[in-house]
């Protein structure tokens, strides 16, 4: 992954949350799970999910819950803080 396509610090935290949530719960998080964890609003979380998808870090099925899937390796983002 070249430097121009590395996740930002905030994006990295969302990617780490998706990774660990999926690993611990056996299913991807819903946007409401991310909203609770990060203490932010639904539009903020949704915009981040759209951005992560647009940048090729995750895939999802719009309109269906819990379909987020990481498309990058664990070494491409930081640990969850």
N, C-alpha and C. Protein backbone atom coordinates (compact mmCIF):
# COMPACT_ATOMS: atom_id res chain seq x y z
N UNK A 1 0.86 -1.18 0.00
CA UNK A 1 0.00 0.00 0.00
C UNK A 1 0.89 1.23 0.00
N UNK A 2 0.70 2.11 -0.97
CA UNK A 2 1.54 3.30 -1.01
C UNK A 2 1.01 4.35 -0.03
N UNK A 3 1.83 5.33 0.23
CA UNK A 3 1.51 6.34 1.25
C UNK A 3 0.23 7.10 0.93
N UNK A 4 -0.09 7.27 -0.35
CA UNK A 4 -1.28 8.04 -0.71
C UNK A 4 -2.57 7.28 -0.41
N UNK A 5 -2.47 5.98 -0.21
CA UNK A 5 -3.69 5.21 0.07
C UNK A 5 -3.66 4.58 1.47
N UNK A 6 -2.92 5.19 2.39
CA UNK A 6 -2.93 4.73 3.77
C UNK A 6 -4.09 5.42 4.49
N UNK A 7 -4.71 4.71 5.42
CA UNK A 7 -5.79 5.35 6.17
C UNK A 7 -5.26 6.45 7.07
N UNK A 8 -6.09 7.47 7.28
CA UNK A 8 -5.75 8.51 8.24
C UNK A 8 -5.81 7.90 9.64
N UNK A 9 -5.37 8.64 10.65
CA UNK A 9 -5.41 8.14 12.03
C UNK A 9 -6.84 7.77 12.43
N UNK A 10 -7.80 8.64 12.13
CA UNK A 10 -9.21 8.38 12.49
C UNK A 10 -9.75 7.18 11.72
N UNK A 11 -9.45 7.11 10.43
CA UNK A 11 -9.90 5.97 9.64
C UNK A 11 -9.29 4.68 10.18
N UNK A 12 -8.03 4.75 10.60
CA UNK A 12 -7.36 3.59 11.17
C UNK A 12 -8.07 3.09 12.42
N UNK A 13 -8.58 4.00 13.23
CA UNK A 13 -9.29 3.60 14.44
C UNK A 13 -10.61 2.90 14.09
N UNK A 14 -11.30 3.39 13.10
CA UNK A 14 -12.53 2.73 12.66
C UNK A 14 -12.21 1.34 12.09
N UNK A 15 -11.15 1.24 11.31
CA UNK A 15 -10.77 -0.06 10.74
C UNK A 15 -10.39 -1.04 11.85
N UNK A 16 -9.66 -0.56 12.86
CA UNK A 16 -9.28 -1.42 13.98
C UNK A 16 -10.53 -1.86 14.74
N UNK A 17 -11.48 -0.94 14.94
CA UNK A 17 -12.72 -1.31 15.63
C UNK A 17 -13.47 -2.39 14.85
N UNK A 18 -13.58 -2.22 13.54
CA UNK A 18 -14.26 -3.22 12.70
C UNK A 18 -13.55 -4.56 12.83
N UNK A 19 -12.23 -4.54 12.78
CA UNK A 19 -11.44 -5.78 12.87
C UNK A 19 -11.69 -6.49 14.20
N UNK A 20 -11.50 -5.77 15.31
CA UNK A 20 -11.63 -6.41 16.62
C UNK A 20 -13.07 -6.77 16.95
N UNK A 21 -14.03 -5.93 16.58
CA UNK A 21 -15.44 -6.24 16.84
C UNK A 21 -15.82 -7.54 16.13
N UNK A 22 -15.42 -7.65 14.87
CA UNK A 22 -15.73 -8.85 14.08
C UNK A 22 -15.07 -10.08 14.69
N UNK A 23 -13.82 -9.94 15.10
CA UNK A 23 -13.08 -11.05 15.69
C UNK A 23 -13.73 -11.51 17.00
N UNK A 24 -14.15 -10.58 17.84
CA UNK A 24 -14.73 -10.92 19.14
C UNK A 24 -16.18 -11.39 19.07
N UNK A 25 -16.94 -10.85 18.12
CA UNK A 25 -18.38 -11.12 18.08
C UNK A 25 -18.82 -12.06 16.96
N UNK A 26 -17.90 -12.40 16.06
CA UNK A 26 -18.25 -13.32 14.98
C UNK A 26 -19.11 -12.71 13.90
N UNK A 27 -19.29 -11.42 13.94
CA UNK A 27 -20.04 -10.70 12.92
C UNK A 27 -19.56 -9.25 12.91
N UNK A 28 -19.69 -8.58 11.77
CA UNK A 28 -19.24 -7.18 11.70
C UNK A 28 -20.13 -6.27 12.54
N UNK A 29 -19.60 -5.12 12.92
CA UNK A 29 -20.42 -4.17 13.69
C UNK A 29 -21.47 -3.49 12.83
N UNK A 30 -22.54 -3.09 13.49
CA UNK A 30 -23.52 -2.21 12.85
C UNK A 30 -23.01 -0.78 13.02
N UNK A 31 -23.51 0.13 12.22
CA UNK A 31 -23.10 1.52 12.37
C UNK A 31 -23.44 2.02 13.77
N UNK A 32 -24.52 1.54 14.37
CA UNK A 32 -24.88 1.97 15.73
C UNK A 32 -23.84 1.51 16.75
N UNK A 33 -23.20 0.36 16.52
CA UNK A 33 -22.13 -0.09 17.42
C UNK A 33 -20.95 0.88 17.38
N UNK A 34 -20.60 1.33 16.18
CA UNK A 34 -19.50 2.28 16.03
C UNK A 34 -19.88 3.63 16.64
N UNK A 35 -21.12 4.02 16.47
CA UNK A 35 -21.59 5.28 17.04
C UNK A 35 -21.44 5.26 18.56
N UNK A 36 -21.84 4.16 19.20
CA UNK A 36 -21.71 4.05 20.65
C UNK A 36 -20.24 4.06 21.08
N UNK A 37 -19.42 3.31 20.39
CA UNK A 37 -18.01 3.21 20.78
C UNK A 37 -17.28 4.55 20.64
N UNK A 38 -17.48 5.21 19.52
CA UNK A 38 -16.76 6.46 19.26
C UNK A 38 -17.48 7.69 19.82
N UNK A 39 -18.71 7.51 20.33
CA UNK A 39 -19.44 8.62 20.93
C UNK A 39 -19.75 9.72 19.95
N UNK A 40 -20.20 9.33 18.77
CA UNK A 40 -20.46 10.31 17.71
C UNK A 40 -21.87 10.13 17.17
N UNK A 41 -22.21 10.89 16.16
CA UNK A 41 -23.57 10.89 15.61
C UNK A 41 -23.71 9.86 14.47
N UNK A 42 -24.95 9.44 14.20
CA UNK A 42 -25.16 8.51 13.08
C UNK A 42 -24.62 9.03 11.74
N UNK A 43 -24.84 10.32 11.39
CA UNK A 43 -24.29 10.78 10.10
C UNK A 43 -22.76 10.73 10.05
N UNK A 44 -22.11 11.00 11.17
CA UNK A 44 -20.64 10.96 11.20
C UNK A 44 -20.15 9.55 10.92
N UNK A 45 -20.76 8.57 11.58
CA UNK A 45 -20.36 7.17 11.37
C UNK A 45 -20.66 6.75 9.94
N UNK A 46 -21.83 7.09 9.46
CA UNK A 46 -22.20 6.69 8.09
C UNK A 46 -21.24 7.30 7.07
N UNK A 47 -20.90 8.57 7.24
CA UNK A 47 -19.95 9.21 6.31
C UNK A 47 -18.60 8.51 6.36
N UNK A 48 -18.15 8.08 7.55
CA UNK A 48 -16.88 7.38 7.65
C UNK A 48 -16.96 6.04 6.93
N UNK A 49 -18.06 5.31 7.09
CA UNK A 49 -18.22 4.02 6.41
C UNK A 49 -18.18 4.21 4.90
N UNK A 50 -18.87 5.22 4.41
CA UNK A 50 -18.87 5.52 2.97
C UNK A 50 -17.45 5.85 2.50
N UNK A 51 -16.74 6.66 3.27
CA UNK A 51 -15.37 7.03 2.92
C UNK A 51 -14.46 5.81 2.89
N UNK A 52 -14.55 4.96 3.91
CA UNK A 52 -13.72 3.75 3.95
C UNK A 52 -14.02 2.84 2.76
N UNK A 53 -15.28 2.78 2.38
CA UNK A 53 -15.67 1.98 1.22
C UNK A 53 -15.12 2.61 -0.06
N UNK A 54 -15.28 3.90 -0.21
CA UNK A 54 -14.80 4.60 -1.40
C UNK A 54 -13.29 4.49 -1.56
N UNK A 55 -12.57 4.44 -0.45
CA UNK A 55 -11.11 4.34 -0.50
C UNK A 55 -10.62 2.91 -0.66
N UNK A 56 -11.55 1.95 -0.67
CA UNK A 56 -11.19 0.56 -0.91
C UNK A 56 -10.70 -0.19 0.32
N UNK A 57 -10.97 0.35 1.52
CA UNK A 57 -10.54 -0.30 2.75
C UNK A 57 -11.55 -1.35 3.23
N UNK A 58 -12.82 -1.13 2.91
CA UNK A 58 -13.88 -2.06 3.31
C UNK A 58 -14.85 -2.26 2.14
N UNK A 59 -15.66 -3.31 2.26
CA UNK A 59 -16.80 -3.46 1.35
C UNK A 59 -18.04 -3.55 2.23
N UNK A 60 -19.16 -3.25 1.65
CA UNK A 60 -20.44 -3.34 2.37
C UNK A 60 -21.56 -3.49 1.37
N UNK A 61 -22.71 -3.90 1.87
CA UNK A 61 -23.90 -3.99 1.04
C UNK A 61 -24.88 -2.93 1.55
N UNK A 62 -24.99 -1.81 0.84
CA UNK A 62 -25.90 -0.75 1.29
C UNK A 62 -27.32 -1.27 1.52
N UNK A 63 -27.91 -0.81 2.61
CA UNK A 63 -29.28 -1.22 2.93
C UNK A 63 -29.37 -2.51 3.73
N UNK A 64 -28.25 -3.19 3.91
CA UNK A 64 -28.24 -4.42 4.71
C UNK A 64 -27.29 -4.23 5.89
N UNK A 65 -27.75 -4.59 7.05
CA UNK A 65 -26.94 -4.42 8.26
C UNK A 65 -25.85 -5.46 8.38
N UNK A 66 -24.80 -5.10 9.07
CA UNK A 66 -23.70 -5.99 9.42
C UNK A 66 -23.07 -6.71 8.22
N UNK A 67 -22.81 -5.94 7.16
CA UNK A 67 -22.18 -6.53 5.97
C UNK A 67 -20.80 -5.96 5.71
N UNK A 68 -20.28 -5.17 6.65
CA UNK A 68 -18.95 -4.56 6.46
C UNK A 68 -17.88 -5.65 6.50
N UNK A 69 -16.98 -5.59 5.52
CA UNK A 69 -15.88 -6.56 5.46
C UNK A 69 -14.60 -5.81 5.13
N UNK A 70 -13.54 -6.09 5.89
CA UNK A 70 -12.24 -5.45 5.62
C UNK A 70 -11.66 -5.98 4.32
N UNK A 71 -11.08 -5.09 3.53
CA UNK A 71 -10.42 -5.48 2.27
C UNK A 71 -8.91 -5.29 2.34
N UNK A 72 -8.43 -4.86 3.51
CA UNK A 72 -6.99 -4.67 3.69
C UNK A 72 -6.52 -5.52 4.86
N UNK A 73 -5.24 -5.82 4.88
CA UNK A 73 -4.68 -6.65 5.93
C UNK A 73 -4.55 -5.94 7.26
N UNK A 74 -4.44 -6.73 8.31
CA UNK A 74 -4.34 -6.21 9.67
C UNK A 74 -3.13 -5.28 9.85
N UNK A 75 -2.08 -5.49 9.11
CA UNK A 75 -0.88 -4.67 9.23
C UNK A 75 -1.03 -3.28 8.60
N UNK A 76 -2.16 -3.00 7.96
CA UNK A 76 -2.35 -1.73 7.27
C UNK A 76 -2.99 -0.65 8.14
N UNK A 77 -3.37 -0.99 9.38
CA UNK A 77 -3.96 0.00 10.27
C UNK A 77 -3.45 -0.22 11.69
N UNK A 78 -3.56 0.82 12.54
CA UNK A 78 -3.00 0.75 13.90
C UNK A 78 -3.87 -0.07 14.85
N UNK A 79 -3.34 -0.28 16.05
CA UNK A 79 -4.14 -0.91 17.10
C UNK A 79 -5.24 0.04 17.54
N UNK A 80 -6.30 -0.53 18.07
CA UNK A 80 -7.41 0.27 18.59
C UNK A 80 -6.96 0.95 19.88
N UNK A 81 -7.19 2.23 19.98
CA UNK A 81 -6.79 2.98 21.17
C UNK A 81 -7.91 3.07 22.17
